[in-house]
């Protein structure tokens, strides 16, 4: 049996509770919040670059063109 509990708590109450934590738990909480922030920023960044327009074949063709151009420059 699973019981779900929901509590309404304000930001100020959370801050007050965090201030009561021992230093090592504050550090641990800080790290967890940082991970969450980094993860959400990374997800947003990856979403920005997500596209259906580029296929692996298109990327390979562009890479080969750039490699060929660099090779030609070195020859001269």
Protein backbone atom coordinates (compact mmCIF):
# COMPACT_ATOMS: atom_id res chain seq x y z
CA UNK A 1 0.00 0.00 0.00
CA UNK A 2 1.33 3.39 -0.99
CA UNK A 3 0.23 6.60 0.67
CA UNK A 4 0.82 9.92 -1.00
CA UNK A 5 1.24 13.06 1.07
CA UNK A 6 1.18 16.56 -0.34
CA UNK A 7 2.26 19.54 1.74
CA UNK A 8 2.02 23.18 0.73
CA UNK A 9 5.23 24.92 1.72
CA UNK A 10 6.52 28.37 0.86
CA UNK A 11 9.94 29.29 -0.43
CA UNK A 12 10.73 31.01 2.88
CA UNK A 13 9.84 27.84 4.77
CA UNK A 14 12.17 25.84 2.55
CA UNK A 15 14.98 28.32 3.16
CA UNK A 16 14.35 28.11 6.89
CA UNK A 17 14.52 24.31 6.78
CA UNK A 18 17.71 24.33 4.72
CA UNK A 19 19.36 26.69 7.20
CA UNK A 20 18.72 24.09 9.90
CA UNK A 21 20.61 21.39 8.01
CA UNK A 22 24.16 20.44 8.99
CA UNK A 23 26.85 21.81 6.68
CA UNK A 24 27.53 18.48 4.92
CA UNK A 25 23.83 18.11 4.04
CA UNK A 26 23.69 21.71 2.78
CA UNK A 27 26.65 20.93 0.52
CA UNK A 28 24.97 17.74 -0.69
CA UNK A 29 21.73 19.61 -1.38
CA UNK A 30 23.65 22.32 -3.22
CA UNK A 31 25.33 19.72 -5.44
CA UNK A 32 21.99 18.08 -6.24
CA UNK A 33 20.44 21.42 -7.16
CA UNK A 34 23.47 22.23 -9.32
CA UNK A 35 23.15 18.88 -11.13
CA UNK A 36 19.49 19.57 -11.80
CA UNK A 37 20.30 23.02 -13.17
CA UNK A 38 23.07 21.68 -15.38
CA UNK A 39 20.86 18.86 -16.63
CA UNK A 40 18.03 21.22 -17.55
CA UNK A 41 20.41 23.64 -19.29
CA UNK A 42 22.02 20.75 -21.18
CA UNK A 43 18.62 19.44 -22.24
CA UNK A 44 17.64 22.89 -23.48
CA UNK A 45 20.92 23.20 -25.37
CA UNK A 46 20.55 19.78 -26.98
CA UNK A 47 16.98 20.60 -27.93
CA UNK A 48 18.24 23.75 -29.66
CA UNK A 49 20.56 21.71 -31.86
CA UNK A 50 18.09 18.91 -32.55
CA UNK A 51 17.06 18.82 -36.18
CA UNK A 52 15.61 16.47 -38.75
CA UNK A 53 17.35 18.33 -41.56
CA UNK A 54 20.76 16.68 -41.17
CA UNK A 55 21.34 13.06 -41.94
CA UNK A 56 24.50 11.12 -41.22
CA UNK A 57 25.09 10.99 -44.96
CA UNK A 58 24.94 14.80 -45.22
CA UNK A 59 27.38 15.18 -42.35
CA UNK A 60 29.77 12.64 -43.90
CA UNK A 61 29.65 14.43 -47.26
CA UNK A 62 30.43 17.77 -45.63
CA UNK A 63 33.30 16.27 -43.64
CA UNK A 64 34.81 14.77 -46.79
CA UNK A 65 34.52 18.10 -48.61
CA UNK A 66 36.31 19.90 -45.77
CA UNK A 67 39.01 17.22 -45.59
CA UNK A 68 39.56 17.47 -49.34
CA UNK A 69 39.83 21.26 -49.10
CA UNK A 70 42.39 21.00 -46.29
CA UNK A 71 44.34 18.41 -48.27
CA UNK A 72 44.40 20.66 -51.33
CA UNK A 73 45.65 23.60 -49.26
CA UNK A 74 48.53 21.54 -47.86
CA UNK A 75 49.59 20.46 -51.34
CA UNK A 76 50.08 24.06 -52.48
